[in-house]
Amino acid sequence: MDLQQQFTEAVANSKLLSNKPDNETLLKLYSLYKQGTEGDTTESGPANPFDFVAKFKHEAWAKLKGISKDEAMQQYVDLVNQLKGQ
């Protein structure tokens, strides 16, 4: 199975986890997903400075700048597999 197939499967599996991950892990999943599907963010941040959820999500994604899409997809797959094992 190639990386894209593993990634697609991991995305589906992330929605079936028996325990909801903590917020930090959810941000990690979100940022790895965005980096794996879109690459580096080109936005400076959310339009509404009081939208703290959007702000944290953007900051988490921005921290991954420079990581290749393939590397982000592999980290996402690894994280979901780790969460499934818990």
C-alpha atoms as a PDB file:
ATOM      1  CA  MET A   1       0.000   0.000   0.000  1.00  0.00           C
ATOM      2  CA  ASP A   2       1.465   3.365  -0.974  1.00  0.00           C
ATOM      3  CA  LEU A   3       1.672   6.377   1.334  1.00  0.00           C
ATOM      4  CA  GLN A   4      -1.377   8.125  -0.135  1.00  0.00           C
ATOM      5  CA  GLN A   5      -3.517   5.041   0.499  1.00  0.00           C
ATOM      6  CA  GLN A   6      -2.157   4.704   4.044  1.00  0.00           C
ATOM      7  CA  PHE A   7      -2.897   8.395   4.644  1.00  0.00           C
ATOM      8  CA  THR A   8      -6.453   8.102   3.322  1.00  0.00           C
ATOM      9  CA  GLU A   9      -7.025   5.069   5.526  1.00  0.00           C
ATOM     10  CA  ALA A  10      -5.556   6.867   8.558  1.00  0.00           C
ATOM     11  CA  VAL A  11      -7.879   9.844   7.982  1.00  0.00           C
ATOM     12  CA  ALA A  12     -10.864   7.472   8.006  1.00  0.00           C
ATOM     13  CA  ASN A  13      -9.514   5.665  11.091  1.00  0.00           C
ATOM     14  CA  SER A  14      -8.981   8.948  12.950  1.00  0.00           C
ATOM     15  CA  LYS A  15     -12.754   9.418  12.956  1.00  0.00           C
ATOM     16  CA  LEU A  16     -13.269   5.969  14.504  1.00  0.00           C
ATOM     17  CA  LEU A  17     -10.953   6.251  17.510  1.00  0.00           C
ATOM     18  CA  SER A  18     -12.515   4.813  20.657  1.00  0.00           C
ATOM     19  CA  ASN A  19     -11.214   7.669  22.825  1.00  0.00           C
ATOM     20  CA  LYS A  20     -11.244  11.309  21.752  1.00  0.00           C
ATOM     21  CA  PRO A  21      -7.650  12.611  21.759  1.00  0.00           C
ATOM     22  CA  ASP A  22      -6.726  15.593  23.932  1.00  0.00           C
ATOM     23  CA  ASN A  23      -6.651  19.067  22.384  1.00  0.00           C
ATOM     24  CA  GLU A  24      -2.902  19.013  21.837  1.00  0.00           C
ATOM     25  CA  THR A  25      -3.146  15.753  19.881  1.00  0.00           C
ATOM     26  CA  LEU A  26      -6.116  17.069  17.904  1.00  0.00           C
ATOM     27  CA  LEU A  27      -4.065  20.119  16.916  1.00  0.00           C
ATOM     28  CA  LYS A  28      -1.213  17.833  15.863  1.00  0.00           C
ATOM     29  CA  LEU A  29      -3.577  15.744  13.732  1.00  0.00           C
ATOM     30  CA  TYR A  30      -5.060  18.878  12.174  1.00  0.00           C
ATOM     31  CA  SER A  31      -1.703  20.463  11.383  1.00  0.00           C
ATOM     32  CA  LEU A  32      -0.247  17.248   9.927  1.00  0.00           C
ATOM     33  CA  TYR A  33      -3.377  16.787   7.807  1.00  0.00           C
ATOM     34  CA  LYS A  34      -3.177  20.344   6.459  1.00  0.00           C
ATOM     35  CA  GLN A  35       0.569  20.074   5.798  1.00  0.00           C
ATOM     36  CA  GLY A  36       0.087  16.693   4.128  1.00  0.00           C
ATOM     37  CA  THR A  37      -2.724  17.861   1.876  1.00  0.00           C
ATOM     38  CA  GLU A  38      -1.855  21.509   1.197  1.00  0.00           C
ATOM     39  CA  GLY A  39       1.793  22.014   2.142  1.00  0.00           C
ATOM     40  CA  ASP A  40       3.055  25.174   3.838  1.00  0.00           C
ATOM     41  CA  THR A  41       0.426  27.691   4.923  1.00  0.00           C
ATOM     42  CA  THR A  42       0.472  30.946   2.986  1.00  0.00           C
ATOM     43  CA  GLU A  43      -1.924  32.794   5.273  1.00  0.00           C
ATOM     44  CA  SER A  44      -0.812  35.135   8.036  1.00  0.00           C
ATOM     45  CA  GLY A  45      -3.527  33.926  10.390  1.00  0.00           C
ATOM     46  CA  PRO A  46      -7.287  34.022  10.909  1.00  0.00           C
ATOM     47  CA  ALA A  47      -9.183  37.182   9.948  1.00  0.00           C
ATOM     48  CA  ASN A  48     -10.851  37.382  13.370  1.00  0.00           C
ATOM     49  CA  PRO A  49      -8.181  37.849  16.079  1.00  0.00           C
ATOM     50  CA  PHE A  50     -10.685  36.666  18.697  1.00  0.00           C
ATOM     51  CA  ASP A  51     -11.265  33.312  17.007  1.00  0.00           C
ATOM     52  CA  PHE A  52      -8.848  31.499  19.298  1.00  0.00           C
ATOM     53  CA  VAL A  53      -9.551  28.023  17.905  1.00  0.00           C
ATOM     54  CA  ALA A  54      -8.665  29.173  14.386  1.00  0.00           C
ATOM     55  CA  LYS A  55      -5.600  30.965  15.773  1.00  0.00           C
ATOM     56  CA  PHE A  56      -4.277  27.849  17.525  1.00  0.00           C
ATOM     57  CA  LYS A  57      -4.972  25.696  14.479  1.00  0.00           C
ATOM     58  CA  HIS A  58      -3.124  28.121  12.217  1.00  0.00           C
ATOM     59  CA  GLU A  59      -0.170  28.364  14.592  1.00  0.00           C
ATOM     60  CA  ALA A  60       0.094  24.567  14.806  1.00  0.00           C
ATOM     61  CA  TRP A  61       0.080  24.306  11.003  1.00  0.00           C
ATOM     62  CA  ALA A  62       2.602  27.148  10.602  1.00  0.00           C
ATOM     63  CA  LYS A  63       5.057  25.323  12.893  1.00  0.00           C
ATOM     64  CA  LEU A  64       5.293  22.560  10.275  1.00  0.00           C
ATOM     65  CA  LYS A  65       6.534  24.926   7.570  1.00  0.00           C
ATOM     66  CA  GLY A  66       9.206  23.239   5.487  1.00  0.00           C
ATOM     67  CA  ILE A  67       8.107  19.664   6.185  1.00  0.00           C
ATOM     68  CA  SER A  68       7.325  17.848   2.948  1.00  0.00           C
ATOM     69  CA  LYS A  69       3.808  16.640   2.240  1.00  0.00           C
ATOM     70  CA  ASP A  70       5.052  13.039   2.277  1.00  0.00           C
ATOM     71  CA  GLU A  71       6.732  13.463   5.671  1.00  0.00           C
ATOM     72  CA  ALA A  72       3.595  15.068   7.114  1.00  0.00           C
ATOM     73  CA  MET A  73       1.425  12.257   5.744  1.00  0.00           C
ATOM     74  CA  GLN A  74       3.769   9.636   7.249  1.00  0.00           C
ATOM     75  CA  GLN A  75       3.722  11.369  10.649  1.00  0.00           C
ATOM     76  CA  TYR A  76      -0.081  11.522  10.481  1.00  0.00           C
ATOM     77  CA  VAL A  77      -0.307   7.798   9.689  1.00  0.00           C
ATOM     78  CA  ASP A  78       2.097   6.998  12.530  1.00  0.00           C
ATOM     79  CA  LEU A  79       0.173   9.154  15.022  1.00  0.00           C
ATOM     80  CA  VAL A  80      -3.201   7.619  14.121  1.00  0.00           C
ATOM     81  CA  ASN A  81      -1.724   4.115  14.384  1.00  0.00           C
ATOM     82  CA  GLN A  82      -0.324   5.012  17.801  1.00  0.00           C
ATOM     83  CA  LEU A  83      -3.701   6.362  18.922  1.00  0.00           C
ATOM     84  CA  LYS A  84      -5.476   3.222  17.677  1.00  0.00           C
ATOM     85  CA  GLY A  85      -3.167   1.135  19.844  1.00  0.00           C
ATOM     86  CA  GLN A  86      -4.124   2.958  23.026  1.00  0.00           C
END
